[in-house]
All heavy atoms as atom14 arrays in JSON, in Angstrom:
{
  "sequence": "KARAFLRKEIKPLVNEYWGKGEFPFEMIERFRTSGLAALAYEGYGEH",
  "atom14_mask": [
    [1, 1, 1, 1, 1, 1, 1, 1, 1, 0, 0, 0, 0, 0],
    [1, 1, 1, 1, 1, 0, 0, 0, 0, 0, 0, 0, 0, 0],
    [1, 1, 1, 1, 1, 1, 1, 1, 1, 1, 1, 0, 0, 0],
    [1, 1, 1, 1, 1, 0, 0, 0, 0, 0, 0, 0, 0, 0],
    [1, 1, 1, 1, 1, 1, 1, 1, 1, 1, 1, 0, 0, 0],
    [1, 1, 1, 1, 1, 1, 1, 1, 0, 0, 0, 0, 0, 0],
    [1, 1, 1, 1, 1, 1, 1, 1, 1, 1, 1, 0, 0, 0],
    [1, 1, 1, 1, 1, 1, 1, 1, 1, 0, 0, 0, 0, 0],
    [1, 1, 1, 1, 1, 1, 1, 1, 1, 0, 0, 0, 0, 0],
    [1, 1, 1, 1, 1, 1, 1, 1, 0, 0, 0, 0, 0, 0],
    [1, 1, 1, 1, 1, 1, 1, 1, 1, 0, 0, 0, 0, 0],
    [1, 1, 1, 1, 1, 1, 1, 0, 0, 0, 0, 0, 0, 0],
    [1, 1, 1, 1, 1, 1, 1, 1, 0, 0, 0, 0, 0, 0],
    [1, 1, 1, 1, 1, 1, 1, 0, 0, 0, 0, 0, 0, 0],
    [1, 1, 1, 1, 1, 1, 1, 1, 0, 0, 0, 0, 0, 0],
    [1, 1, 1, 1, 1, 1, 1, 1, 1, 0, 0, 0, 0, 0],
    [1, 1, 1, 1, 1, 1, 1, 1, 1, 1, 1, 1, 0, 0],
    [1, 1, 1, 1, 1, 1, 1, 1, 1, 1, 1, 1, 1, 1],
    [1, 1, 1, 1, 0, 0, 0, 0, 0, 0, 0, 0, 0, 0],
    [1, 1, 1, 1, 1, 1, 1, 1, 1, 0, 0, 0, 0, 0],
    [1, 1, 1, 1, 0, 0, 0, 0, 0, 0, 0, 0, 0, 0],
    [1, 1, 1, 1, 1, 1, 1, 1, 1, 0, 0, 0, 0, 0],
    [1, 1, 1, 1, 1, 1, 1, 1, 1, 1, 1, 0, 0, 0],
    [1, 1, 1, 1, 1, 1, 1, 0, 0, 0, 0, 0, 0, 0],
    [1, 1, 1, 1, 1, 1, 1, 1, 1, 1, 1, 0, 0, 0],
    [1, 1, 1, 1, 1, 1, 1, 1, 1, 0, 0, 0, 0, 0],
    [1, 1, 1, 1, 1, 1, 1, 1, 0, 0, 0, 0, 0, 0],
    [1, 1, 1, 1, 1, 1, 1, 1, 0, 0, 0, 0, 0, 0],
    [1, 1, 1, 1, 1, 1, 1, 1, 1, 0, 0, 0, 0, 0],
    [1, 1, 1, 1, 1, 1, 1, 1, 1, 1, 1, 0, 0, 0],
    [1, 1, 1, 1, 1, 1, 1, 1, 1, 1, 1, 0, 0, 0],
    [1, 1, 1, 1, 1, 1, 1, 1, 1, 1, 1, 0, 0, 0],
    [1, 1, 1, 1, 1, 1, 1, 0, 0, 0, 0, 0, 0, 0],
    [1, 1, 1, 1, 1, 1, 0, 0, 0, 0, 0, 0, 0, 0],
    [1, 1, 1, 1, 0, 0, 0, 0, 0, 0, 0, 0, 0, 0],
    [1, 1, 1, 1, 1, 1, 1, 1, 0, 0, 0, 0, 0, 0],
    [1, 1, 1, 1, 1, 0, 0, 0, 0, 0, 0, 0, 0, 0],
    [1, 1, 1, 1, 1, 0, 0, 0, 0, 0, 0, 0, 0, 0],
    [1, 1, 1, 1, 1, 1, 1, 1, 0, 0, 0, 0, 0, 0],
    [1, 1, 1, 1, 1, 0, 0, 0, 0, 0, 0, 0, 0, 0],
    [1, 1, 1, 1, 1, 1, 1, 1, 1, 1, 1, 1, 0, 0],
    [1, 1, 1, 1, 1, 1, 1, 1, 1, 0, 0, 0, 0, 0],
    [1, 1, 1, 1, 0, 0, 0, 0, 0, 0, 0, 0, 0, 0],
    [1, 1, 1, 1, 1, 1, 1, 1, 1, 1, 1, 1, 0, 0],
    [1, 1, 1, 1, 0, 0, 0, 0, 0, 0, 0, 0, 0, 0],
    [1, 1, 1, 1, 1, 1, 1, 1, 1, 0, 0, 0, 0, 0],
    [1, 1, 1, 1, 1, 1, 1, 1, 1, 1, 0, 0, 0, 0]
  ],
  "atom14_positions": [
    [[84.42, 93.04, 91.09], [83.31, 93.99, 91.16], [82.21, 93.61, 90.17], [81.02, 93.69, 90.48], [83.81, 95.41, 90.87], [84.62, 96.02, 92.01], [85.06, 97.43, 91.67], [85.83, 98.07, 92.83], [86.3, 99.44, 92.49], [0.0, 0.0, 0.0], [0.0, 0.0, 0.0], [0.0, 0.0, 0.0], [0.0, 0.0, 0.0], [0.0, 0.0, 0.0]],
    [[82.61, 93.18, 88.97], [81.63, 92.77, 87.97], [80.87, 91.54, 88.45], [79.65, 91.43, 88.27], [82.32, 92.48, 86.64], [0.0, 0.0, 0.0], [0.0, 0.0, 0.0], [0.0, 0.0, 0.0], [0.0, 0.0, 0.0], [0.0, 0.0, 0.0], [0.0, 0.0, 0.0], [0.0, 0.0, 0.0], [0.0, 0.0, 0.0], [0.0, 0.0, 0.0]],
    [[81.57, 90.6, 89.05], [80.94, 89.38, 89.56], [79.9, 89.71, 90.62], [78.78, 89.19, 90.6], [82.02, 88.45, 90.12], [81.53, 87.08, 90.53], [82.72, 86.21, 90.92], [83.56, 85.92, 89.77], [84.81, 85.48, 89.86], [85.37, 85.28, 91.05], [85.5, 85.21, 88.76], [0.0, 0.0, 0.0], [0.0, 0.0, 0.0], [0.0, 0.0, 0.0]],
    [[80.26, 90.61, 91.53], [79.32, 91.01, 92.58], [78.14, 91.78, 91.99], [76.99, 91.58, 92.39], [80.04, 91.85, 93.63], [0.0, 0.0, 0.0], [0.0, 0.0, 0.0], [0.0, 0.0, 0.0], [0.0, 0.0, 0.0], [0.0, 0.0, 0.0], [0.0, 0.0, 0.0], [0.0, 0.0, 0.0], [0.0, 0.0, 0.0], [0.0, 0.0, 0.0]],
    [[78.42, 92.67, 91.03], [77.36, 93.45, 90.39], [76.35, 92.54, 89.69], [75.13, 92.7, 89.85], [77.97, 94.43, 89.39], [77.0, 94.98, 88.39], [76.08, 95.96, 88.75], [76.99, 94.49, 87.09], [75.17, 96.45, 87.82], [76.09, 94.98, 86.16], [75.17, 95.96, 86.53], [0.0, 0.0, 0.0], [0.0, 0.0, 0.0], [0.0, 0.0, 0.0]],
    [[76.83, 91.6, 88.92], [75.94, 90.72, 88.17], [75.11, 89.85, 89.11], [73.92, 89.61, 88.86], [76.74, 89.86, 87.2], [77.4, 90.62, 86.05], [78.41, 89.74, 85.33], [76.34, 91.11, 85.07], [0.0, 0.0, 0.0], [0.0, 0.0, 0.0], [0.0, 0.0, 0.0], [0.0, 0.0, 0.0], [0.0, 0.0, 0.0], [0.0, 0.0, 0.0]],
    [[75.73, 89.41, 90.19], [75.01, 88.55, 91.14], [73.94, 89.33, 91.9], [72.82, 88.83, 92.1], [76.01, 87.94, 92.12], [75.38, 86.94, 93.1], [76.44, 86.25, 93.94], [77.18, 87.18, 94.76], [78.49, 87.42, 94.63], [79.18, 86.82, 93.68], [79.11, 88.27, 95.42], [0.0, 0.0, 0.0], [0.0, 0.0, 0.0], [0.0, 0.0, 0.0]],
    [[74.25, 90.58, 92.27], [73.33, 91.34, 93.11], [72.32, 92.17, 92.32], [71.17, 92.34, 92.75], [74.12, 92.26, 94.05], [75.0, 91.51, 95.04], [75.87, 92.47, 95.84], [76.81, 91.74, 96.79], [77.72, 92.67, 97.53], [0.0, 0.0, 0.0], [0.0, 0.0, 0.0], [0.0, 0.0, 0.0], [0.0, 0.0, 0.0], [0.0, 0.0, 0.0]],
    [[72.73, 92.7, 91.17], [71.89, 93.64, 90.43], [71.17, 93.04, 89.23], [70.09, 93.5, 88.86], [72.75, 94.83, 89.96], [73.4, 95.61, 91.08], [72.4, 96.33, 91.95], [71.29, 96.65, 91.47], [72.7, 96.57, 93.14], [0.0, 0.0, 0.0], [0.0, 0.0, 0.0], [0.0, 0.0, 0.0], [0.0, 0.0, 0.0], [0.0, 0.0, 0.0]],
    [[71.76, 92.04, 88.61], [71.18, 91.49, 87.38], [70.47, 90.16, 87.61], [69.35, 89.95, 87.14], [72.29, 91.32, 86.31], [72.96, 92.66, 86.02], [71.7, 90.72, 85.04], [72.02, 93.76, 85.54], [0.0, 0.0, 0.0], [0.0, 0.0, 0.0], [0.0, 0.0, 0.0], [0.0, 0.0, 0.0], [0.0, 0.0, 0.0], [0.0, 0.0, 0.0]],
    [[71.09, 89.27, 88.37], [70.51, 87.94, 88.57], [69.08, 87.98, 89.13], [68.23, 87.2, 88.68], [71.42, 87.12, 89.5], [71.02, 85.66, 89.6], [72.05, 84.88, 90.41], [71.68, 83.4, 90.49], [72.7, 82.63, 91.25], [0.0, 0.0, 0.0], [0.0, 0.0, 0.0], [0.0, 0.0, 0.0], [0.0, 0.0, 0.0], [0.0, 0.0, 0.0]],
    [[68.74, 88.88, 90.06], [67.37, 88.9, 90.58], [66.31, 89.25, 89.53], [65.11, 88.97, 89.75], [67.42, 89.97, 91.68], [68.85, 90.01, 92.11], [69.63, 89.78, 90.85], [0.0, 0.0, 0.0], [0.0, 0.0, 0.0], [0.0, 0.0, 0.0], [0.0, 0.0, 0.0], [0.0, 0.0, 0.0], [0.0, 0.0, 0.0], [0.0, 0.0, 0.0]],
    [[66.71, 89.84, 88.41], [65.74, 90.22, 87.38], [65.41, 89.07, 86.43], [64.37, 89.11, 85.74], [66.3, 91.39, 86.55], [66.6, 92.7, 87.26], [67.29, 93.66, 86.3], [65.32, 93.32, 87.81], [0.0, 0.0, 0.0], [0.0, 0.0, 0.0], [0.0, 0.0, 0.0], [0.0, 0.0, 0.0], [0.0, 0.0, 0.0], [0.0, 0.0, 0.0]],
    [[66.27, 88.07, 86.39], [66.26, 87.14, 85.26], [64.99, 86.29, 85.19], [64.32, 86.24, 84.16], [67.51, 86.25, 85.31], [67.4, 85.11, 84.32], [68.76, 87.09, 85.03], [0.0, 0.0, 0.0], [0.0, 0.0, 0.0], [0.0, 0.0, 0.0], [0.0, 0.0, 0.0], [0.0, 0.0, 0.0], [0.0, 0.0, 0.0], [0.0, 0.0, 0.0]],
    [[64.65, 85.58, 86.26], [63.57, 84.6, 86.17], [62.24, 85.22, 85.78], [61.5, 84.68, 84.94], [63.42, 83.85, 87.5], [64.52, 82.82, 87.69], [65.25, 82.49, 86.76], [64.66, 82.32, 88.91], [0.0, 0.0, 0.0], [0.0, 0.0, 0.0], [0.0, 0.0, 0.0], [0.0, 0.0, 0.0], [0.0, 0.0, 0.0], [0.0, 0.0, 0.0]],
    [[61.91, 86.36, 86.37], [60.63, 87.01, 86.07], [60.53, 87.36, 84.59], [59.52, 87.06, 83.92], [60.46, 88.26, 86.92], [59.18, 89.03, 86.58], [59.08, 90.36, 87.32], [59.96, 90.64, 88.17], [58.14, 91.11, 87.03], [0.0, 0.0, 0.0], [0.0, 0.0, 0.0], [0.0, 0.0, 0.0], [0.0, 0.0, 0.0], [0.0, 0.0, 0.0]],
    [[61.57, 88.0, 84.06], [61.49, 88.47, 82.68], [61.71, 87.35, 81.68], [61.21, 87.42, 80.56], [62.47, 89.62, 82.47], [61.97, 90.9, 83.1], [62.3, 91.23, 84.42], [61.13, 91.75, 82.4], [61.82, 92.39, 85.01], [60.64, 92.9, 82.98], [60.99, 93.22, 84.28], [60.49, 94.35, 84.86], [0.0, 0.0, 0.0], [0.0, 0.0, 0.0]],
    [[62.46, 86.34, 82.07], [62.56, 85.15, 81.21], [61.18, 84.54, 81.04], [60.78, 84.18, 79.93], [63.53, 84.14, 81.82], [63.69, 82.87, 81.01], [62.82, 81.83, 80.91], [64.8, 82.53, 80.18], [63.3, 80.87, 80.08], [64.52, 81.26, 79.61], [65.99, 83.16, 79.87], [65.4, 80.61, 78.74], [66.87, 82.51, 79.01], [66.58, 81.25, 78.45]],
    [[60.45, 84.41, 82.13], [59.11, 83.83, 82.06], [58.17, 84.65, 81.19], [57.36, 84.1, 80.44], [0.0, 0.0, 0.0], [0.0, 0.0, 0.0], [0.0, 0.0, 0.0], [0.0, 0.0, 0.0], [0.0, 0.0, 0.0], [0.0, 0.0, 0.0], [0.0, 0.0, 0.0], [0.0, 0.0, 0.0], [0.0, 0.0, 0.0], [0.0, 0.0, 0.0]],
    [[58.27, 85.97, 81.28], [57.39, 86.84, 80.51], [57.86, 87.05, 79.07], [57.08, 87.53, 78.23], [57.27, 88.2, 81.2], [56.61, 88.15, 82.57], [56.28, 89.52, 83.1], [57.49, 90.35, 83.4], [57.14, 91.64, 84.05], [0.0, 0.0, 0.0], [0.0, 0.0, 0.0], [0.0, 0.0, 0.0], [0.0, 0.0, 0.0], [0.0, 0.0, 0.0]],
    [[59.1, 86.7, 78.8], [59.64, 86.94, 77.47], [59.79, 88.42, 77.16], [59.68, 88.84, 76.01], [0.0, 0.0, 0.0], [0.0, 0.0, 0.0], [0.0, 0.0, 0.0], [0.0, 0.0, 0.0], [0.0, 0.0, 0.0], [0.0, 0.0, 0.0], [0.0, 0.0, 0.0], [0.0, 0.0, 0.0], [0.0, 0.0, 0.0], [0.0, 0.0, 0.0]],
    [[60.09, 89.19, 78.2], [60.23, 90.63, 78.04], [61.62, 91.07, 78.48], [62.33, 90.34, 79.17], [59.17, 91.37, 78.87], [57.74, 91.06, 78.46], [56.72, 91.71, 79.37], [57.14, 92.37, 80.35], [55.52, 91.55, 79.13], [0.0, 0.0, 0.0], [0.0, 0.0, 0.0], [0.0, 0.0, 0.0], [0.0, 0.0, 0.0], [0.0, 0.0, 0.0]],
    [[61.98, 92.29, 78.08], [63.28, 92.83, 78.46], [63.14, 93.77, 79.64], [62.3, 94.69, 79.61], [63.91, 93.59, 77.28], [65.3, 94.07, 77.57], [66.38, 93.23, 77.41], [65.53, 95.36, 78.02], [67.68, 93.66, 77.68], [66.81, 95.8, 78.3], [67.89, 94.95, 78.13], [0.0, 0.0, 0.0], [0.0, 0.0, 0.0], [0.0, 0.0, 0.0]],
    [[63.93, 93.59, 80.7], [63.87, 94.5, 81.86], [64.7, 95.76, 81.59], [65.92, 95.76, 81.73], [64.48, 93.67, 82.99], [65.43, 92.74, 82.29], [64.86, 92.47, 80.92], [0.0, 0.0, 0.0], [0.0, 0.0, 0.0], [0.0, 0.0, 0.0], [0.0, 0.0, 0.0], [0.0, 0.0, 0.0], [0.0, 0.0, 0.0], [0.0, 0.0, 0.0]],
    [[64.04, 96.84, 81.21], [64.78, 98.03, 80.81], [65.53, 98.68, 81.97], [66.48, 99.45, 81.75], [63.84, 99.03, 80.14], [63.44, 98.63, 78.75], [62.25, 97.95, 78.53], [64.28, 98.87, 77.69], [61.9, 97.54, 77.25], [63.94, 98.47, 76.41], [62.74, 97.81, 76.19], [0.0, 0.0, 0.0], [0.0, 0.0, 0.0], [0.0, 0.0, 0.0]],
    [[65.15, 98.36, 83.21], [65.94, 98.86, 84.33], [67.35, 98.27, 84.33], [68.27, 98.81, 84.95], [65.25, 98.56, 85.66], [65.03, 97.09, 85.96], [63.64, 96.6, 85.58], [63.17, 96.96, 84.49], [63.04, 95.86, 86.39], [0.0, 0.0, 0.0], [0.0, 0.0, 0.0], [0.0, 0.0, 0.0], [0.0, 0.0, 0.0], [0.0, 0.0, 0.0]],
    [[67.51, 97.16, 83.6], [68.83, 96.54, 83.49], [69.83, 97.49, 82.82], [71.01, 97.53, 83.18], [68.74, 95.24, 82.7], [70.05, 94.49, 82.53], [69.9, 93.05, 81.45], [68.86, 91.98, 82.44], [0.0, 0.0, 0.0], [0.0, 0.0, 0.0], [0.0, 0.0, 0.0], [0.0, 0.0, 0.0], [0.0, 0.0, 0.0], [0.0, 0.0, 0.0]],
    [[69.36, 98.26, 81.84], [70.25, 99.18, 81.13], [70.79, 100.23, 82.09], [71.98, 100.53, 82.09], [69.52, 99.83, 79.95], [69.14, 98.77, 78.92], [70.4, 100.91, 79.31], [68.34, 99.31, 77.75], [0.0, 0.0, 0.0], [0.0, 0.0, 0.0], [0.0, 0.0, 0.0], [0.0, 0.0, 0.0], [0.0, 0.0, 0.0], [0.0, 0.0, 0.0]],
    [[69.93, 100.77, 82.93], [70.36, 101.78, 83.89], [71.38, 101.18, 84.87], [72.36, 101.83, 85.24], [69.17, 102.34, 84.65], [69.52, 103.41, 85.67], [70.24, 104.6, 85.05], [69.89, 104.98, 83.92], [71.16, 105.14, 85.7], [0.0, 0.0, 0.0], [0.0, 0.0, 0.0], [0.0, 0.0, 0.0], [0.0, 0.0, 0.0], [0.0, 0.0, 0.0]],
    [[71.17, 99.94, 85.26], [72.12, 99.29, 86.17], [73.46, 99.07, 85.48], [74.52, 99.25, 86.11], [71.53, 97.97, 86.68], [70.27, 98.18, 87.51], [69.71, 96.88, 88.08], [68.43, 97.11, 88.75], [67.79, 96.22, 89.47], [68.31, 95.0, 89.63], [66.64, 96.51, 90.04], [0.0, 0.0, 0.0], [0.0, 0.0, 0.0], [0.0, 0.0, 0.0]],
    [[73.44, 98.7, 84.22], [74.69, 98.54, 83.49], [75.4, 99.87, 83.31], [76.63, 99.93, 83.31], [74.44, 97.9, 82.12], [74.53, 96.4, 82.12], [73.41, 95.61, 81.89], [75.75, 95.77, 82.34], [73.5, 94.23, 81.9], [75.84, 94.39, 82.34], [74.72, 93.61, 82.12], [0.0, 0.0, 0.0], [0.0, 0.0, 0.0], [0.0, 0.0, 0.0]],
    [[74.65, 100.96, 83.16], [75.27, 102.26, 83.02], [76.18, 102.58, 84.2], [77.26, 103.13, 84.05], [74.2, 103.35, 82.91], [73.54, 103.47, 81.55], [72.76, 104.76, 81.44], [71.95, 104.77, 80.23], [70.62, 104.71, 80.21], [69.94, 104.67, 81.34], [69.97, 104.72, 79.05], [0.0, 0.0, 0.0], [0.0, 0.0, 0.0], [0.0, 0.0, 0.0]],
    [[75.71, 102.24, 85.38], [76.48, 102.57, 86.59], [77.62, 101.59, 86.85], [78.48, 101.85, 87.69], [75.55, 102.6, 87.82], [74.98, 101.3, 88.02], [74.42, 103.61, 87.61], [0.0, 0.0, 0.0], [0.0, 0.0, 0.0], [0.0, 0.0, 0.0], [0.0, 0.0, 0.0], [0.0, 0.0, 0.0], [0.0, 0.0, 0.0], [0.0, 0.0, 0.0]],
    [[77.62, 100.46, 86.13], [78.63, 99.43, 86.39], [79.98, 99.74, 85.74], [81.02, 99.23, 86.18], [78.13, 98.07, 85.89], [78.15, 98.02, 84.47], [0.0, 0.0, 0.0], [0.0, 0.0, 0.0], [0.0, 0.0, 0.0], [0.0, 0.0, 0.0], [0.0, 0.0, 0.0], [0.0, 0.0, 0.0], [0.0, 0.0, 0.0], [0.0, 0.0, 0.0]],
    [[79.97, 100.52, 84.67], [81.22, 100.82, 83.96], [81.78, 99.66, 83.17], [82.95, 99.67, 82.79], [0.0, 0.0, 0.0], [0.0, 0.0, 0.0], [0.0, 0.0, 0.0], [0.0, 0.0, 0.0], [0.0, 0.0, 0.0], [0.0, 0.0, 0.0], [0.0, 0.0, 0.0], [0.0, 0.0, 0.0], [0.0, 0.0, 0.0], [0.0, 0.0, 0.0]],
    [[80.95, 98.65, 82.84], [81.45, 97.47, 82.14], [81.52, 97.65, 80.63], [82.27, 96.94, 79.96], [80.57, 96.26, 82.47], [80.64, 95.74, 83.9], [79.69, 94.57, 84.09], [82.06, 95.33, 84.25], [0.0, 0.0, 0.0], [0.0, 0.0, 0.0], [0.0, 0.0, 0.0], [0.0, 0.0, 0.0], [0.0, 0.0, 0.0], [0.0, 0.0, 0.0]],
    [[80.74, 98.58, 80.09], [80.7, 98.72, 78.63], [82.0, 99.33, 78.12], [82.62, 100.18, 78.77], [79.52, 99.6, 78.22], [0.0, 0.0, 0.0], [0.0, 0.0, 0.0], [0.0, 0.0, 0.0], [0.0, 0.0, 0.0], [0.0, 0.0, 0.0], [0.0, 0.0, 0.0], [0.0, 0.0, 0.0], [0.0, 0.0, 0.0], [0.0, 0.0, 0.0]],
    [[82.42, 98.86, 76.95], [83.56, 99.41, 76.2], [84.9, 99.28, 76.92], [85.86, 99.96, 76.56], [83.31, 100.89, 75.85], [0.0, 0.0, 0.0], [0.0, 0.0, 0.0], [0.0, 0.0, 0.0], [0.0, 0.0, 0.0], [0.0, 0.0, 0.0], [0.0, 0.0, 0.0], [0.0, 0.0, 0.0], [0.0, 0.0, 0.0], [0.0, 0.0, 0.0]],
    [[85.0, 98.39, 77.88], [86.28, 98.23, 78.59], [87.41, 97.79, 77.65], [88.56, 98.1, 77.88], [86.14, 97.2, 79.72], [85.42, 97.66, 80.99], [85.32, 96.49, 81.96], [86.16, 98.82, 81.64], [0.0, 0.0, 0.0], [0.0, 0.0, 0.0], [0.0, 0.0, 0.0], [0.0, 0.0, 0.0], [0.0, 0.0, 0.0], [0.0, 0.0, 0.0]],
    [[87.05, 97.05, 76.6], [88.07, 96.49, 75.72], [88.49, 97.43, 74.6], [89.32, 97.06, 73.77], [87.57, 95.17, 75.12], [0.0, 0.0, 0.0], [0.0, 0.0, 0.0], [0.0, 0.0, 0.0], [0.0, 0.0, 0.0], [0.0, 0.0, 0.0], [0.0, 0.0, 0.0], [0.0, 0.0, 0.0], [0.0, 0.0, 0.0], [0.0, 0.0, 0.0]],
    [[87.92, 98.64, 74.59], [88.17, 99.54, 73.46], [89.04, 100.71, 73.89], [88.68, 101.47, 74.8], [86.84, 100.06, 72.91], [85.96, 98.97, 72.34], [84.98, 98.36, 73.14], [86.12, 98.53, 71.04], [84.18, 97.35, 72.62], [85.32, 97.53, 70.52], [84.36, 96.94, 71.32], [83.57, 95.93, 70.82], [0.0, 0.0, 0.0], [0.0, 0.0, 0.0]],
    [[90.17, 100.84, 73.23], [91.1, 101.91, 73.55], [90.43, 103.27, 73.36], [89.92, 103.6, 72.3], [92.32, 101.82, 72.64], [93.5, 102.63, 73.1], [94.19, 102.0, 74.3], [94.45, 100.79, 74.27], [94.45, 102.74, 75.26], [0.0, 0.0, 0.0], [0.0, 0.0, 0.0], [0.0, 0.0, 0.0], [0.0, 0.0, 0.0], [0.0, 0.0, 0.0]],
    [[90.41, 104.07, 74.44], [89.91, 105.43, 74.34], [88.45, 105.62, 74.63], [87.96, 106.76, 74.65], [0.0, 0.0, 0.0], [0.0, 0.0, 0.0], [0.0, 0.0, 0.0], [0.0, 0.0, 0.0], [0.0, 0.0, 0.0], [0.0, 0.0, 0.0], [0.0, 0.0, 0.0], [0.0, 0.0, 0.0], [0.0, 0.0, 0.0], [0.0, 0.0, 0.0]],
    [[87.7, 104.52, 74.9], [86.26, 104.68, 75.09], [85.76, 104.15, 76.44], [84.84, 104.69, 77.0], [85.5, 103.99, 73.95], [85.72, 104.69, 72.63], [86.65, 104.2, 71.72], [85.02, 105.85, 72.31], [86.88, 104.85, 70.51], [85.24, 106.51, 71.11], [86.17, 106.0, 70.21], [86.4, 106.66, 69.02], [0.0, 0.0, 0.0], [0.0, 0.0, 0.0]],
    [[86.33, 103.08, 76.96], [85.87, 102.55, 78.23], [86.51, 103.26, 79.41], [87.41, 104.09, 79.26], [0.0, 0.0, 0.0], [0.0, 0.0, 0.0], [0.0, 0.0, 0.0], [0.0, 0.0, 0.0], [0.0, 0.0, 0.0], [0.0, 0.0, 0.0], [0.0, 0.0, 0.0], [0.0, 0.0, 0.0], [0.0, 0.0, 0.0], [0.0, 0.0, 0.0]],
    [[86.02, 102.94, 80.6], [86.55, 103.56, 81.82], [87.94, 103.02, 82.18], [88.69, 103.66, 82.91], [85.59, 103.31, 82.99], [84.26, 104.05, 82.84], [83.39, 103.89, 84.08], [83.86, 103.31, 85.07], [82.24, 104.35, 84.04], [0.0, 0.0, 0.0], [0.0, 0.0, 0.0], [0.0, 0.0, 0.0], [0.0, 0.0, 0.0], [0.0, 0.0, 0.0]],
    [[88.27, 101.83, 81.69], [89.55, 101.21, 82.02], [90.59, 101.65, 81.0], [90.41, 101.47, 79.81], [89.42, 99.69, 82.01], [90.66, 98.96, 82.43], [91.53, 98.38, 81.54], [91.17, 98.73, 83.65], [92.52, 97.81, 82.18], [92.32, 98.0, 83.47], [0.0, 0.0, 0.0], [0.0, 0.0, 0.0], [0.0, 0.0, 0.0], [0.0, 0.0, 0.0]]
  ]
}
Protein backbone atom coordinates (compact mmCIF):
# COMPACT_ATOMS: atom_id res chain seq x y z
CA LYS A 1 0.00 0.00 0.00
CA ALA A 2 2.86 2.38 0.82
CA ARG A 3 4.54 1.61 -2.51
CA ALA A 4 1.34 2.36 -4.42
CA PHE A 5 0.69 5.50 -2.36
CA LEU A 6 4.15 6.93 -2.95
CA ARG A 7 4.01 6.16 -6.66
CA LYS A 8 0.55 7.63 -7.21
CA GLU A 9 0.32 10.45 -4.65
CA ILE A 10 3.86 11.68 -4.03
CA LYS A 11 5.91 11.00 -7.16
CA PRO A 12 3.81 13.33 -9.40
CA LEU A 13 4.67 16.27 -7.11
CA VAL A 14 8.41 15.83 -7.14
CA ASN A 15 9.77 17.31 -10.38
CA GLU A 16 7.83 20.58 -10.22
CA TYR A 17 8.77 21.39 -6.65
CA TRP A 18 12.34 20.15 -7.02
CA GLY A 19 12.73 22.63 -9.86
CA LYS A 20 11.24 25.47 -7.83
CA GLY A 21 13.11 24.58 -4.65
CA GLU A 22 9.86 24.73 -2.72
CA PHE A 23 7.98 22.36 -0.45
CA PRO A 24 4.60 21.00 -1.63
CA PHE A 25 2.49 21.41 1.49
CA GLU A 26 -0.29 19.29 -0.01
CA MET A 27 2.16 16.43 0.53
CA ILE A 28 1.58 16.64 4.29
CA GLU A 29 -2.16 16.17 3.86
CA ARG A 30 -1.53 13.16 1.62
CA PHE A 31 0.80 11.64 4.20
CA ARG A 32 -1.84 12.19 6.88
CA THR A 33 -4.22 9.87 5.08
CA SER A 34 -1.54 7.25 4.37
CA GLY A 35 -1.06 6.15 7.99
CA LEU A 36 2.71 5.79 7.49
CA ALA A 37 3.84 8.04 10.33
CA ALA A 38 4.88 6.52 13.67
CA LEU A 39 4.46 2.92 12.51
CA ALA A 40 7.65 1.93 14.32
CA TYR A 41 6.62 3.40 17.66
CA GLU A 42 4.80 1.30 20.22
CA GLY A 43 1.50 2.93 21.13
CA TYR A 44 1.50 5.76 18.59
CA GLY A 45 1.24 4.46 15.02
CA GLU A 46 -1.72 2.78 13.36
CA HIS A 47 0.11 -0.55 13.20
